Amino acid sequence: MQTLKLSQVLNSAPALTDSYSDKDDDLIDRPPQLQYFQVHFQHIHENIHQLQDELVQLKDAVAHLDEKLERLLAVLDSPPDPVR
C-alpha cells in the first residue's frame, strides 16, 4: 500500500529538468567565495570547543554521580545496625 502511495507521489512531483533555466548556469559557473567557507569553518570550530567543554562537564558530573551511587550501594549492602 505504501509503495503505491510512493509511486503516486513520485509521479506527481515535477521533473527536475522542468525547473532548470539558463539563468542557473551563472550559479554553476561561479565558484563559492573563500569568505563563505571561512565563516562556516570558524563557526564549526567555535562549536567544537563549546561542545568539548560541555563534554568535560558532563563527564565530571557522571563521575560524581557514579561515586555517589557506589556510596549508596555500599550503605544498602551493609548489614543493619542492631536495635538497642
Protein backbone atom coordinates (compact mmCIF):
# COMPACT_ATOMS: atom_id res chain seq x y z
CA MET A 1 0.00 0.00 0.00
CA GLN A 2 2.83 2.39 0.85
CA THR A 3 4.69 1.63 -2.36
CA LEU A 4 1.59 2.68 -4.26
CA LYS A 5 1.50 5.99 -2.38
CA LEU A 6 5.21 6.48 -3.00
CA SER A 7 4.84 5.89 -6.72
CA GLN A 8 1.92 8.34 -6.83
CA VAL A 9 4.00 11.00 -5.09
CA LEU A 10 6.94 10.42 -7.42
CA ASN A 11 4.72 10.57 -10.49
CA SER A 12 3.03 13.79 -9.35
CA ALA A 13 6.33 15.54 -8.46
CA PRO A 14 7.62 17.95 -11.11
CA ALA A 15 10.66 16.79 -13.02
CA LEU A 16 13.97 18.40 -12.18
CA THR A 17 14.58 19.38 -15.78
CA ASP A 18 11.36 21.43 -15.80
CA SER A 19 12.69 23.86 -13.22
CA TYR A 20 16.13 24.32 -14.84
CA SER A 21 16.73 27.51 -16.79
CA ASP A 22 19.64 29.26 -18.47
CA LYS A 23 19.98 31.70 -15.59
CA ASP A 24 21.09 28.79 -13.38
CA ASP A 25 24.26 28.49 -15.49
CA ASP A 26 25.65 31.55 -13.70
CA LEU A 27 25.34 29.78 -10.36
CA ILE A 28 27.08 26.69 -11.65
CA ASP A 29 29.98 28.62 -13.25
CA ARG A 30 30.80 30.78 -10.20
CA PRO A 31 32.91 29.08 -7.55
CA PRO A 32 31.95 29.72 -3.91
CA GLN A 33 33.83 32.57 -2.31
CA LEU A 34 36.54 31.87 0.22
CA GLN A 35 34.91 34.06 2.86
CA TYR A 36 31.83 31.82 2.81
CA PHE A 37 33.90 28.81 3.86
CA GLN A 38 35.96 30.82 6.35
CA VAL A 39 32.83 31.94 8.21
CA HIS A 40 31.39 28.43 8.35
CA PHE A 41 34.65 26.79 9.42
CA GLN A 42 35.05 29.41 12.15
CA HIS A 43 31.51 28.67 13.34
CA ILE A 44 32.21 24.93 13.37
CA HIS A 45 35.49 25.50 15.22
CA GLU A 46 33.73 27.55 17.93
CA ASN A 47 31.01 24.92 18.28
CA ILE A 48 33.60 22.17 18.66
CA HIS A 49 35.26 23.99 21.57
CA GLN A 50 31.91 24.64 23.24
CA LEU A 51 30.85 21.00 22.83
CA GLN A 52 34.20 19.77 24.16
CA ASP A 53 33.77 21.96 27.27
CA GLU A 54 30.25 20.61 27.78
CA LEU A 55 31.54 17.06 27.37
CA VAL A 56 34.16 17.62 30.09
CA GLN A 57 31.48 18.98 32.42
CA LEU A 58 29.20 16.04 31.69
CA LYS A 59 32.00 13.56 32.32
CA ASP A 60 32.71 15.22 35.69
CA ALA A 61 29.00 15.08 36.58
CA VAL A 62 28.82 11.39 35.64
CA ALA A 63 31.93 10.62 37.71
CA HIS A 64 30.40 12.46 40.69
CA LEU A 65 27.09 10.60 40.33
CA ASP A 66 28.91 7.29 39.96
CA GLU A 67 30.78 7.95 43.21
CA LYS A 68 27.52 8.81 45.00
CA LEU A 69 25.88 5.67 43.61
CA GLU A 70 28.75 3.49 44.84
CA ARG A 71 28.45 5.01 48.34
CA LEU A 72 24.68 4.48 48.33
CA LEU A 73 25.06 0.86 47.23
CA ALA A 74 27.67 0.30 49.95
CA VAL A 75 25.23 1.64 52.56
CA LEU A 76 22.43 -0.54 51.23
CA ASP A 77 24.66 -3.65 51.20
CA SER A 78 25.88 -3.18 54.77
CA PRO A 79 24.01 -5.12 57.47
CA PRO A 80 21.55 -3.09 59.51
CA ASP A 81 22.58 -1.86 62.94
CA PRO A 82 21.12 -3.95 65.78
CA VAL A 83 18.36 -2.22 67.71
CA ARG A 84 19.35 -1.50 71.33
